[in-house]
Amino acid sequence: MTLENSWILSTANPIGYDFKIELVGDKAQLNANPSHHGAVTKITSQGAKFADLLGITPTGSSRIGGFVLEAIAQFVDAVLDKAPLLADAKDGLAVTRVLAAIEQSAAQGTPVTL
């Protein structure tokens, strides 16, 4: 598996965020790219299946849902209504530590213990 992480996008990128993941195995493959039409593709010996992560899914009386829309709505709810966050600064720090350990491991060629 190859893991790539980038915190900065080029100014030519048509959107302000870019998220995608590809998992490739010898019997199947899963591609998810919710930042561009929300497509998830699952490829197996039975063929390809497609789903819509950003689909127009009702999540309440006044808004639609989906991966990005729900994340934004959860943040707005937390700010306006003091609703609990799905991820807080501690979660962000934990992710950053993992990413830094990955970079350190790649540079040193040895495992890094967290």
PDB file of N, CA and C in Angstrom:
ATOM      1  N   MET A   1       0.842  -1.175   0.000  1.00  0.00           N
ATOM      2  CA  MET A   1       0.000   0.000   0.000  1.00  0.00           C
ATOM      3  C   MET A   1       0.886   1.235   0.000  1.00  0.00           C
ATOM      4  N   THR A   2       0.466   2.238  -0.679  1.00  0.00           N
ATOM      5  CA  THR A   2       1.165   3.520  -0.700  1.00  0.00           C
ATOM      6  C   THR A   2       0.294   4.534   0.023  1.00  0.00           C
ATOM      7  N   LEU A   3       0.899   5.305   0.913  1.00  0.00           N
ATOM      8  CA  LEU A   3       0.179   6.336   1.643  1.00  0.00           C
ATOM      9  C   LEU A   3       0.800   7.682   1.309  1.00  0.00           C
ATOM     10  N   GLU A   4      -0.032   8.604   0.891  1.00  0.00           N
ATOM     11  CA  GLU A   4       0.443   9.953   0.573  1.00  0.00           C
ATOM     12  C   GLU A   4      -0.419  10.938   1.340  1.00  0.00           C
ATOM     13  N   ASN A   5       0.209  11.941   1.900  1.00  0.00           N
ATOM     14  CA  ASN A   5      -0.518  12.955   2.651  1.00  0.00           C
ATOM     15  C   ASN A   5       0.004  14.322   2.230  1.00  0.00           C
ATOM     16  N   SER A   6      -0.907  15.258   2.044  1.00  0.00           N
ATOM     17  CA  SER A   6      -0.519  16.609   1.689  1.00  0.00           C
ATOM     18  C   SER A   6      -1.419  17.588   2.428  1.00  0.00           C
ATOM     19  N   TRP A   7      -0.833  18.607   2.975  1.00  0.00           N
ATOM     20  CA  TRP A   7      -1.600  19.608   3.695  1.00  0.00           C
ATOM     21  C   TRP A   7      -1.927  20.813   2.812  1.00  0.00           C
ATOM     22  N   ILE A   8      -1.262  20.924   1.671  1.00  0.00           N
ATOM     23  CA  ILE A   8      -1.420  22.103   0.828  1.00  0.00           C
ATOM     24  C   ILE A   8      -1.790  21.664  -0.580  1.00  0.00           C
ATOM     25  N   LEU A   9      -2.796  22.299  -1.149  1.00  0.00           N
ATOM     26  CA  LEU A   9      -3.212  22.034  -2.512  1.00  0.00           C
ATOM     27  C   LEU A   9      -2.753  23.181  -3.406  1.00  0.00           C
ATOM     28  N   SER A  10      -2.569  22.883  -4.665  1.00  0.00           N
ATOM     29  CA  SER A  10      -2.177  23.942  -5.595  1.00  0.00           C
ATOM     30  C   SER A  10      -3.342  24.891  -5.818  1.00  0.00           C
ATOM     31  N   THR A  11      -3.032  26.109  -6.234  1.00  0.00           N
ATOM     32  CA  THR A  11      -4.089  27.080  -6.510  1.00  0.00           C
ATOM     33  C   THR A  11      -4.890  26.687  -7.746  1.00  0.00           C
ATOM     34  N   ALA A  12      -4.377  25.738  -8.541  1.00  0.00           N
ATOM     35  CA  ALA A  12      -5.096  25.272  -9.715  1.00  0.00           C
ATOM     36  C   ALA A  12      -6.176  24.250  -9.366  1.00  0.00           C
ATOM     37  N   ASN A  13      -6.154  23.722  -8.137  1.00  0.00           N
ATOM     38  CA  ASN A  13      -7.151  22.737  -7.746  1.00  0.00           C
ATOM     39  C   ASN A  13      -8.528  23.386  -7.788  1.00  0.00           C
ATOM     40  N   PRO A  14      -9.510  22.740  -8.444  1.00  0.00           N
ATOM     41  CA  PRO A  14     -10.815  23.378  -8.602  1.00  0.00           C
ATOM     42  C   PRO A  14     -11.633  23.469  -7.317  1.00  0.00           C
ATOM     43  N   ILE A  15     -11.220  22.769  -6.240  1.00  0.00           N
ATOM     44  CA  ILE A  15     -11.939  22.842  -4.978  1.00  0.00           C
ATOM     45  C   ILE A  15     -10.945  23.059  -3.852  1.00  0.00           C
ATOM     46  N   GLY A  16     -11.441  23.476  -2.688  1.00  0.00           N
ATOM     47  CA  GLY A  16     -10.567  23.810  -1.571  1.00  0.00           C
ATOM     48  C   GLY A  16     -10.125  22.613  -0.750  1.00  0.00           C
ATOM     49  N   TYR A  17     -10.628  21.436  -1.050  1.00  0.00           N
ATOM     50  CA  TYR A  17     -10.236  20.229  -0.325  1.00  0.00           C
ATOM     51  C   TYR A  17     -10.078  19.094  -1.337  1.00  0.00           C
ATOM     52  N   ASP A  18      -9.330  18.104  -0.971  1.00  0.00           N
ATOM     53  CA  ASP A  18      -9.138  16.962  -1.853  1.00  0.00           C
ATOM     54  C   ASP A  18      -8.902  15.740  -0.968  1.00  0.00           C
ATOM     55  N   PHE A  19      -9.784  14.786  -1.036  1.00  0.00           N
ATOM     56  CA  PHE A  19      -9.657  13.576  -0.241  1.00  0.00           C
ATOM     57  C   PHE A  19      -9.909  12.389  -1.139  1.00  0.00           C
ATOM     58  N   LYS A  20      -8.993  11.460  -1.137  1.00  0.00           N
ATOM     59  CA  LYS A  20      -9.229  10.232  -1.876  1.00  0.00           C
ATOM     60  C   LYS A  20      -8.401   9.117  -1.265  1.00  0.00           C
ATOM     61  N   ILE A  21      -8.868   7.902  -1.446  1.00  0.00           N
ATOM     62  CA  ILE A  21      -8.154   6.741  -0.945  1.00  0.00           C
ATOM     63  C   ILE A  21      -8.342   5.608  -1.939  1.00  0.00           C
ATOM     64  N   GLU A  22      -7.288   4.854  -2.152  1.00  0.00           N
ATOM     65  CA  GLU A  22      -7.336   3.674  -3.002  1.00  0.00           C
ATOM     66  C   GLU A  22      -6.723   2.514  -2.231  1.00  0.00           C
ATOM     67  N   LEU A  23      -7.472   1.449  -2.087  1.00  0.00           N
ATOM     68  CA  LEU A  23      -6.964   0.230  -1.483  1.00  0.00           C
ATOM     69  C   LEU A  23      -6.954  -0.822  -2.580  1.00  0.00           C
ATOM     70  N   VAL A  24      -5.785  -1.348  -2.896  1.00  0.00           N
ATOM     71  CA  VAL A  24      -5.645  -2.289  -3.999  1.00  0.00           C
ATOM     72  C   VAL A  24      -5.085  -3.597  -3.463  1.00  0.00           C
ATOM     73  N   GLY A  25      -5.813  -4.663  -3.693  1.00  0.00           N
ATOM     74  CA  GLY A  25      -5.356  -5.993  -3.314  1.00  0.00           C
ATOM     75  C   GLY A  25      -5.318  -6.887  -4.542  1.00  0.00           C
ATOM     76  N   ASP A  26      -4.885  -8.125  -4.360  1.00  0.00           N
ATOM     77  CA  ASP A  26      -4.787  -9.011  -5.514  1.00  0.00           C
ATOM     78  C   ASP A  26      -6.139  -9.568  -5.949  1.00  0.00           C
ATOM     79  N   LYS A  27      -7.179  -9.432  -5.104  1.00  0.00           N
ATOM     80  CA  LYS A  27      -8.499  -9.950  -5.460  1.00  0.00           C
ATOM     81  C   LYS A  27      -9.560  -8.859  -5.604  1.00  0.00           C
ATOM     82  N   ALA A  28      -9.280  -7.683  -5.099  1.00  0.00           N
ATOM     83  CA  ALA A  28     -10.282  -6.612  -5.151  1.00  0.00           C
ATOM     84  C   ALA A  28      -9.614  -5.261  -4.979  1.00  0.00           C
ATOM     85  N   GLN A  29     -10.395  -4.230  -5.219  1.00  0.00           N
ATOM     86  CA  GLN A  29      -9.899  -2.865  -5.141  1.00  0.00           C
ATOM     87  C   GLN A  29     -11.038  -1.974  -4.671  1.00  0.00           C
ATOM     88  N   LEU A  30     -10.708  -0.964  -3.852  1.00  0.00           N
ATOM     89  CA  LEU A  30     -11.693   0.009  -3.401  1.00  0.00           C
ATOM     90  C   LEU A  30     -11.126   1.400  -3.636  1.00  0.00           C
ATOM     91  N   ASN A  31     -11.866   2.224  -4.358  1.00  0.00           N
ATOM     92  CA  ASN A  31     -11.480   3.603  -4.619  1.00  0.00           C
ATOM     93  C   ASN A  31     -12.560   4.511  -4.033  1.00  0.00           C
ATOM     94  N   ALA A  32     -12.159   5.492  -3.233  1.00  0.00           N
ATOM     95  CA  ALA A  32     -13.108   6.470  -2.698  1.00  0.00           C
ATOM     96  C   ALA A  32     -12.570   7.855  -2.983  1.00  0.00           C
ATOM     97  N   ASN A  33     -13.417   8.695  -3.545  1.00  0.00           N
ATOM     98  CA  ASN A  33     -13.028  10.061  -3.854  1.00  0.00           C
ATOM     99  C   ASN A  33     -14.226  10.981  -3.633  1.00  0.00           C
ATOM    100  N   PRO A  34     -14.582  11.228  -2.369  1.00  0.00           N
ATOM    101  CA  PRO A  34     -15.762  12.059  -2.106  1.00  0.00           C
ATOM    102  C   PRO A  34     -15.587  13.522  -2.461  1.00  0.00           C
ATOM    103  N   SER A  35     -14.359  13.969  -2.700  1.00  0.00           N
ATOM    104  CA  SER A  35     -14.166  15.372  -3.042  1.00  0.00           C
ATOM    105  C   SER A  35     -14.497  15.670  -4.497  1.00  0.00           C
ATOM    106  N   HIS A  36     -14.634  14.648  -5.296  1.00  0.00           N
ATOM    107  CA  HIS A  36     -15.004  14.834  -6.701  1.00  0.00           C
ATOM    108  C   HIS A  36     -16.204  13.935  -7.002  1.00  0.00           C
ATOM    109  N   HIS A  37     -17.369  14.442  -6.817  1.00  0.00           N
ATOM    110  CA  HIS A  37     -18.636  13.776  -7.083  1.00  0.00           C
ATOM    111  C   HIS A  37     -18.985  12.691  -6.079  1.00  0.00           C
ATOM    112  N   GLY A  38     -18.210  12.513  -5.037  1.00  0.00           N
ATOM    113  CA  GLY A  38     -18.567  11.568  -4.003  1.00  0.00           C
ATOM    114  C   GLY A  38     -18.552  10.118  -4.404  1.00  0.00           C
ATOM    115  N   ALA A  39     -17.824   9.781  -5.430  1.00  0.00           N
ATOM    116  CA  ALA A  39     -17.866   8.417  -5.942  1.00  0.00           C
ATOM    117  C   ALA A  39     -17.015   7.467  -5.113  1.00  0.00           C
ATOM    118  N   VAL A  40     -17.593   6.318  -4.819  1.00  0.00           N
ATOM    119  CA  VAL A  40     -16.856   5.205  -4.237  1.00  0.00           C
ATOM    120  C   VAL A  40     -16.989   4.063  -5.217  1.00  0.00           C
ATOM    121  N   THR A  41     -15.886   3.473  -5.591  1.00  0.00           N
ATOM    122  CA  THR A  41     -15.891   2.369  -6.534  1.00  0.00           C
ATOM    123  C   THR A  41     -15.307   1.143  -5.864  1.00  0.00           C
ATOM    124  N   LYS A  42     -16.040   0.053  -5.900  1.00  0.00           N
ATOM    125  CA  LYS A  42     -15.555  -1.226  -5.383  1.00  0.00           C
ATOM    126  C   LYS A  42     -15.431  -2.157  -6.577  1.00  0.00           C
ATOM    127  N   ILE A  43     -14.216  -2.654  -6.800  1.00  0.00           N
ATOM    128  CA  ILE A  43     -13.958  -3.504  -7.957  1.00  0.00           C
ATOM    129  C   ILE A  43     -13.568  -4.893  -7.461  1.00  0.00           C
ATOM    130  N   THR A  44     -14.358  -5.887  -7.838  1.00  0.00           N
ATOM    131  CA  THR A  44     -14.074  -7.272  -7.474  1.00  0.00           C
ATOM    132  C   THR A  44     -14.214  -8.146  -8.721  1.00  0.00           C
ATOM    133  N   SER A  45     -14.069  -9.440  -8.543  1.00  0.00           N
ATOM    134  CA  SER A  45     -14.215 -10.347  -9.687  1.00  0.00           C
ATOM    135  C   SER A  45     -15.642 -10.344 -10.228  1.00  0.00           C
ATOM    136  N   GLN A  46     -16.602  -9.857  -9.427  1.00  0.00           N
ATOM    137  CA  GLN A  46     -17.989  -9.753  -9.900  1.00  0.00           C
ATOM    138  C   GLN A  46     -18.246  -8.456 -10.668  1.00  0.00           C
ATOM    139  N   GLY A  47     -17.256  -7.584 -10.767  1.00  0.00           N
ATOM    140  CA  GLY A  47     -17.418  -6.330 -11.495  1.00  0.00           C
ATOM    141  C   GLY A  47     -17.253  -5.124 -10.590  1.00  0.00           C
ATOM    142  N   ALA A  48     -17.616  -3.958 -11.104  1.00  0.00           N
ATOM    143  CA  ALA A  48     -17.471  -2.699 -10.372  1.00  0.00           C
ATOM    144  C   ALA A  48     -18.821  -2.275  -9.811  1.00  0.00           C
ATOM    145  N   LYS A  49     -18.804  -1.758  -8.574  1.00  0.00           N
ATOM    146  CA  LYS A  49     -20.000  -1.205  -7.952  1.00  0.00           C
ATOM    147  C   LYS A  49     -19.699   0.229  -7.550  1.00  0.00           C
ATOM    148  N   PHE A  50     -20.681   1.097  -7.707  1.00  0.00           N
ATOM    149  CA  PHE A  50     -20.506   2.510  -7.428  1.00  0.00           C
ATOM    150  C   PHE A  50     -21.507   2.960  -6.369  1.00  0.00           C
ATOM    151  N   ALA A  51     -21.083   3.873  -5.516  1.00  0.00           N
ATOM    152  CA  ALA A  51     -21.968   4.453  -4.505  1.00  0.00           C
ATOM    153  C   ALA A  51     -21.700   5.946  -4.440  1.00  0.00           C
ATOM    154  N   ASP A  52     -22.597   6.672  -3.831  1.00  0.00           N
ATOM    155  CA  ASP A  52     -22.471   8.127  -3.731  1.00  0.00           C
ATOM    156  C   ASP A  52     -22.332   8.536  -2.274  1.00  0.00           C
ATOM    157  N   LEU A  53     -21.097   8.862  -1.837  1.00  0.00           N
ATOM    158  CA  LEU A  53     -20.866   9.283  -0.455  1.00  0.00           C
ATOM    159  C   LEU A  53     -21.500  10.621  -0.143  1.00  0.00           C
ATOM    160  N   LEU A  54     -21.618  11.473  -1.137  1.00  0.00           N
ATOM    161  CA  LEU A  54     -22.165  12.810  -0.909  1.00  0.00           C
ATOM    162  C   LEU A  54     -23.617  12.898  -1.352  1.00  0.00           C
ATOM    163  N   GLY A  55     -24.294  11.783  -1.346  1.00  0.00           N
ATOM    164  CA  GLY A  55     -25.675  11.746  -1.829  1.00  0.00           C
ATOM    165  C   GLY A  55     -26.585  12.688  -1.072  1.00  0.00           C
ATOM    166  N   ILE A  56     -27.689  12.966  -1.656  1.00  0.00           N
ATOM    167  CA  ILE A  56     -28.669  13.854  -1.046  1.00  0.00           C
ATOM    168  C   ILE A  56     -29.484  13.019  -0.055  1.00  0.00           C
ATOM    169  N   THR A  57     -28.961  12.902   1.148  1.00  0.00           N
ATOM    170  CA  THR A  57     -29.563  12.073   2.182  1.00  0.00           C
ATOM    171  C   THR A  57     -30.154  12.970   3.258  1.00  0.00           C
ATOM    172  N   PRO A  58     -31.451  12.894   3.514  1.00  0.00           N
ATOM    173  CA  PRO A  58     -32.019  13.719   4.583  1.00  0.00           C
ATOM    174  C   PRO A  58     -31.421  13.336   5.934  1.00  0.00           C
ATOM    175  N   THR A  59     -30.955  14.325   6.695  1.00  0.00           N
ATOM    176  CA  THR A  59     -30.412  14.059   8.021  1.00  0.00           C
ATOM    177  C   THR A  59     -31.162  14.846   9.085  1.00  0.00           C
ATOM    178  N   GLY A  60     -32.143  15.549   8.687  1.00  0.00           N
ATOM    179  CA  GLY A  60     -32.929  16.354   9.617  1.00  0.00           C
ATOM    180  C   GLY A  60     -34.026  17.059   8.846  1.00  0.00           C
ATOM    181  N   SER A  61     -34.776  17.855   9.539  1.00  0.00           N
ATOM    182  CA  SER A  61     -35.907  18.521   8.881  1.00  0.00           C
ATOM    183  C   SER A  61     -35.480  19.664   7.968  1.00  0.00           C
ATOM    184  N   SER A  62     -34.235  20.140   8.123  1.00  0.00           N
ATOM    185  CA  SER A  62     -33.875  21.348   7.375  1.00  0.00           C
ATOM    186  C   SER A  62     -32.591  21.243   6.574  1.00  0.00           C
ATOM    187  N   ARG A  63     -31.996  20.036   6.436  1.00  0.00           N
ATOM    188  CA  ARG A  63     -30.765  19.974   5.664  1.00  0.00           C
ATOM    189  C   ARG A  63     -30.565  18.598   5.042  1.00  0.00           C
ATOM    190  N   ILE A  64     -29.736  18.598   4.007  1.00  0.00           N
ATOM    191  CA  ILE A  64     -29.344  17.351   3.365  1.00  0.00           C
ATOM    192  C   ILE A  64     -28.020  16.904   3.962  1.00  0.00           C
ATOM    193  N   GLY A  65     -27.598  15.682   3.669  1.00  0.00           N
ATOM    194  CA  GLY A  65     -26.390  15.159   4.288  1.00  0.00           C
ATOM    195  C   GLY A  65     -25.391  14.636   3.294  1.00  0.00           C
ATOM    196  N   GLY A  66     -24.510  13.811   3.778  1.00  0.00           N
ATOM    197  CA  GLY A  66     -23.414  13.286   3.003  1.00  0.00           C
ATOM    198  C   GLY A  66     -22.117  13.568   3.725  1.00  0.00           C
ATOM    199  N   PHE A  67     -21.026  13.034   3.230  1.00  0.00           N
ATOM    200  CA  PHE A  67     -19.733  13.096   3.898  1.00  0.00           C
ATOM    201  C   PHE A  67     -19.304  14.520   4.255  1.00  0.00           C
ATOM    202  N   VAL A  68     -19.167  15.381   3.288  1.00  0.00           N
ATOM    203  CA  VAL A  68     -18.670  16.735   3.537  1.00  0.00           C
ATOM    204  C   VAL A  68     -19.756  17.618   4.134  1.00  0.00           C
ATOM    205  N   LEU A  69     -20.962  17.538   3.604  1.00  0.00           N
ATOM    206  CA  LEU A  69     -22.047  18.374   4.120  1.00  0.00           C
ATOM    207  C   LEU A  69     -22.318  18.080   5.589  1.00  0.00           C
ATOM    208  N   GLU A  70     -22.285  16.806   5.976  1.00  0.00           N
ATOM    209  CA  GLU A  70     -22.540  16.460   7.369  1.00  0.00           C
ATOM    210  C   GLU A  70     -21.422  16.947   8.285  1.00  0.00           C
ATOM    211  N   ALA A  71     -20.181  16.868   7.822  1.00  0.00           N
ATOM    212  CA  ALA A  71     -19.062  17.356   8.625  1.00  0.00           C
ATOM    213  C   ALA A  71     -19.202  18.857   8.883  1.00  0.00           C
ATOM    214  N   ILE A  72     -19.571  19.596   7.864  1.00  0.00           N
ATOM    215  CA  ILE A  72     -19.759  21.043   8.018  1.00  0.00           C
ATOM    216  C   ILE A  72     -20.932  21.319   8.964  1.00  0.00           C
ATOM    217  N   ALA A  73     -22.025  20.594   8.780  1.00  0.00           N
ATOM    218  CA  ALA A  73     -23.205  20.792   9.623  1.00  0.00           C
ATOM    219  C   ALA A  73     -22.906  20.472  11.079  1.00  0.00           C
ATOM    220  N   GLN A  74     -22.139  19.419  11.328  1.00  0.00           N
ATOM    221  CA  GLN A  74     -21.775  19.071  12.706  1.00  0.00           C
ATOM    222  C   GLN A  74     -20.959  20.186  13.351  1.00  0.00           C
ATOM    223  N   PHE A  75     -20.043  20.788  12.590  1.00  0.00           N
ATOM    224  CA  PHE A  75     -19.244  21.893  13.109  1.00  0.00           C
ATOM    225  C   PHE A  75     -20.131  23.099  13.421  1.00  0.00           C
ATOM    226  N   VAL A  76     -21.048  23.418  12.520  1.00  0.00           N
ATOM    227  CA  VAL A  76     -21.959  24.545  12.745  1.00  0.00           C
ATOM    228  C   VAL A  76     -22.809  24.288  13.988  1.00  0.00           C
ATOM    229  N   ASP A  77     -23.313  23.060  14.138  1.00  0.00           N
ATOM    230  CA  ASP A  77     -24.098  22.719  15.332  1.00  0.00           C
ATOM    231  C   ASP A  77     -23.272  22.897  16.597  1.00  0.00           C
ATOM    232  N   ALA A  78     -22.005  22.522  16.549  1.00  0.00           N
ATOM    233  CA  ALA A  78     -21.140  22.657  17.727  1.00  0.00           C
ATOM    234  C   ALA A  78     -20.928  24.124  18.074  1.00  0.00           C
ATOM    235  N   VAL A  79     -20.750  24.957  17.060  1.00  0.00           N
ATOM    236  CA  VAL A  79     -20.524  26.383  17.309  1.00  0.00           C
ATOM    237  C   VAL A  79     -21.795  27.068  17.795  1.00  0.00           C
ATOM    238  N   LEU A  80     -22.905  26.826  17.110  1.00  0.00           N
ATOM    239  CA  LEU A  80     -24.147  27.528  17.437  1.00  0.00           C
ATOM    240  C   LEU A  80     -24.867  26.958  18.657  1.00  0.00           C
ATOM    241  N   ASP A  81     -24.875  25.623  18.774  1.00  0.00           N
ATOM    242  CA  ASP A  81     -25.677  24.978  19.815  1.00  0.00           C
ATOM    243  C   ASP A  81     -24.852  24.278  20.887  1.00  0.00           C
ATOM    244  N   LYS A  82     -23.528  24.446  20.801  1.00  0.00           N
ATOM    245  CA  LYS A  82     -22.631  23.772  21.745  1.00  0.00           C
ATOM    246  C   LYS A  82     -22.806  22.251  21.730  1.00  0.00           C
ATOM    247  N   ALA A  83     -23.145  21.706  20.560  1.00  0.00           N
ATOM    248  CA  ALA A  83     -23.263  20.254  20.385  1.00  0.00           C
ATOM    249  C   ALA A  83     -21.857  19.643  20.445  1.00  0.00           C
ATOM    250  N   PRO A  84     -21.759  18.387  20.844  1.00  0.00           N
ATOM    251  CA  PRO A  84     -20.431  17.766  20.916  1.00  0.00           C
ATOM    252  C   PRO A  84     -19.797  17.635  19.524  1.00  0.00           C
ATOM    253  N   LEU A  85     -18.500  17.821  19.485  1.00  0.00           N
ATOM    254  CA  LEU A  85     -17.758  17.675  18.237  1.00  0.00           C
ATOM    255  C   LEU A  85     -17.525  16.203  17.927  1.00  0.00           C
ATOM    256  N   LEU A  86     -17.513  15.865  16.650  1.00  0.00           N
ATOM    257  CA  LEU A  86     -17.163  14.506  16.247  1.00  0.00           C
ATOM    258  C   LEU A  86     -15.670  14.272  16.433  1.00  0.00           C
ATOM    259  N   ALA A  87     -14.880  15.294  16.203  1.00  0.00           N
ATOM    260  CA  ALA A  87     -13.431  15.228  16.404  1.00  0.00           C
ATOM    261  C   ALA A  87     -12.999  16.572  16.976  1.00  0.00           C
ATOM    262  N   ASP A  88     -12.145  16.525  17.992  1.00  0.00           N
ATOM    263  CA  ASP A  88     -11.701  17.766  18.608  1.00  0.00           C
ATOM    264  C   ASP A  88     -10.199  17.961  18.388  1.00  0.00           C
ATOM    265  N   ALA A  89      -9.641  18.950  19.051  1.00  0.00           N
ATOM    266  CA  ALA A  89      -8.214  19.267  18.874  1.00  0.00           C
ATOM    267  C   ALA A  89      -7.329  18.095  19.274  1.00  0.00           C
ATOM    268  N   LYS A  90      -7.732  17.335  20.296  1.00  0.00           N
ATOM    269  CA  LYS A  90      -6.945  16.156  20.699  1.00  0.00           C
ATOM    270  C   LYS A  90      -6.905  15.123  19.578  1.00  0.00           C
ATOM    271  N   ASP A  91      -8.038  14.930  18.896  1.00  0.00           N
ATOM    272  CA  ASP A  91      -8.072  14.010  17.761  1.00  0.00           C
ATOM    273  C   ASP A  91      -7.158  14.500  16.645  1.00  0.00           C
ATOM    274  N   GLY A  92      -7.198  15.794  16.376  1.00  0.00           N
ATOM    275  CA  GLY A  92      -6.331  16.373  15.349  1.00  0.00           C
ATOM    276  C   GLY A  92      -4.864  16.206  15.696  1.00  0.00           C
ATOM    277  N   LEU A  93      -4.516  16.388  16.972  1.00  0.00           N
ATOM    278  CA  LEU A  93      -3.142  16.201  17.416  1.00  0.00           C
ATOM    279  C   LEU A  93      -2.711  14.749  17.245  1.00  0.00           C
ATOM    280  N   ALA A  94      -3.602  13.809  17.575  1.00  0.00           N
ATOM    281  CA  ALA A  94      -3.278  12.386  17.421  1.00  0.00           C
ATOM    282  C   ALA A  94      -3.006  12.040  15.959  1.00  0.00           C
ATOM    283  N   VAL A  95      -3.826  12.555  15.062  1.00  0.00           N
ATOM    284  CA  VAL A  95      -3.626  12.309  13.635  1.00  0.00           C
ATOM    285  C   VAL A  95      -2.299  12.911  13.175  1.00  0.00           C
ATOM    286  N   THR A  96      -2.013  14.124  13.630  1.00  0.00           N
ATOM    287  CA  THR A  96      -0.762  14.785  13.254  1.00  0.00           C
ATOM    288  C   THR A  96       0.442  14.002  13.752  1.00  0.00           C
ATOM    289  N   ARG A  97       0.354  13.453  14.954  1.00  0.00           N
ATOM    290  CA  ARG A  97       1.451  12.629  15.482  1.00  0.00           C
ATOM    291  C   ARG A  97       1.665  11.387  14.631  1.00  0.00           C
ATOM    292  N   VAL A  98       0.587  10.754  14.205  1.00  0.00           N
ATOM    293  CA  VAL A  98       0.702   9.573  13.349  1.00  0.00           C
ATOM    294  C   VAL A  98       1.352   9.943  12.023  1.00  0.00           C
ATOM    295  N   LEU A  99       0.907  11.038  11.420  1.00  0.00           N
ATOM    296  CA  LEU A  99       1.483  11.466  10.137  1.00  0.00           C
ATOM    297  C   LEU A  99       2.964  11.813  10.277  1.00  0.00           C
ATOM    298  N   ALA A 100       3.327  12.492  11.375  1.00  0.00           N
ATOM    299  CA  ALA A 100       4.740  12.821  11.609  1.00  0.00           C
ATOM    300  C   ALA A 100       5.559  11.548  11.804  1.00  0.00           C
ATOM    301  N   ALA A 101       4.999  10.553  12.495  1.00  0.00           N
ATOM    302  CA  ALA A 101       5.705   9.288  12.701  1.00  0.00           C
ATOM    303  C   ALA A 101       5.899   8.552  11.381  1.00  0.00           C
ATOM    304  N   ILE A 102       4.910   8.632  10.492  1.00  0.00           N
ATOM    305  CA  ILE A 102       5.042   8.011   9.168  1.00  0.00           C
ATOM    306  C   ILE A 102       6.193   8.650   8.403  1.00  0.00           C
ATOM    307  N   GLU A 103       6.248   9.979   8.420  1.00  0.00           N
ATOM    308  CA  GLU A 103       7.337  10.677   7.727  1.00  0.00           C
ATOM    309  C   GLU A 103       8.690  10.345   8.351  1.00  0.00           C
ATOM    310  N   GLN A 104       8.752  10.306   9.674  1.00  0.00           N
ATOM    311  CA  GLN A 104       9.994   9.972  10.364  1.00  0.00           C
ATOM    312  C   GLN A 104      10.423   8.548  10.030  1.00  0.00           C
ATOM    313  N   SER A 105       9.495   7.620  10.029  1.00  0.00           N
ATOM    314  CA  SER A 105       9.785   6.230   9.712  1.00  0.00           C
ATOM    315  C   SER A 105      10.312   6.096   8.285  1.00  0.00           C
ATOM    316  N   ALA A 106       9.675   6.805   7.357  1.00  0.00           N
ATOM    317  CA  ALA A 106      10.114   6.753   5.967  1.00  0.00           C
ATOM    318  C   ALA A 106      11.522   7.321   5.810  1.00  0.00           C
ATOM    319  N   ALA A 107      11.810   8.417   6.513  1.00  0.00           N
ATOM    320  CA  ALA A 107      13.136   9.045   6.421  1.00  0.00           C
ATOM    321  C   ALA A 107      14.217   8.176   7.036  1.00  0.00           C
ATOM    322  N   GLN A 108      13.890   7.512   8.155  1.00  0.00           N
ATOM    323  CA  GLN A 108      14.885   6.712   8.862  1.00  0.00           C
ATOM    324  C   GLN A 108      14.933   5.263   8.379  1.00  0.00           C
ATOM    325  N   GLY A 109      13.867   4.821   7.757  1.00  0.00           N
ATOM    326  CA  GLY A 109      13.795   3.434   7.315  1.00  0.00           C
ATOM    327  C   GLY A 109      13.576   2.451   8.453  1.00  0.00           C
ATOM    328  N   THR A 110      13.053   2.945   9.566  1.00  0.00           N
ATOM    329  CA  THR A 110      12.784   2.101  10.729  1.00  0.00           C
ATOM    330  C   THR A 110      11.406   2.413  11.296  1.00  0.00           C
ATOM    331  N   PRO A 111      10.799   1.458  12.011  1.00  0.00           N
ATOM    332  CA  PRO A 111       9.498   1.731  12.645  1.00  0.00           C
ATOM    333  C   PRO A 111       9.640   2.825  13.710  1.00  0.00           C
ATOM    334  N   VAL A 112       8.568   3.575  13.891  1.00  0.00           N
ATOM    335  CA  VAL A 112       8.498   4.588  14.948  1.00  0.00           C
ATOM    336  C   VAL A 112       7.350   4.205  15.868  1.00  0.00           C
ATOM    337  N   THR A 113       7.625   4.113  17.146  1.00  0.00           N
ATOM    338  CA  THR A 113       6.621   3.755  18.132  1.00  0.00           C
ATOM    339  C   THR A 113       5.976   5.010  18.684  1.00  0.00           C
ATOM    340  N   LEU A 114       4.660   5.005  18.753  1.00  0.00           N
ATOM    341  CA  LEU A 114       3.927   6.136  19.331  1.00  0.00           C
ATOM    342  C   LEU A 114       3.466   5.791  20.723  1.00  0.00           C
TER     343      LEU A 114
END
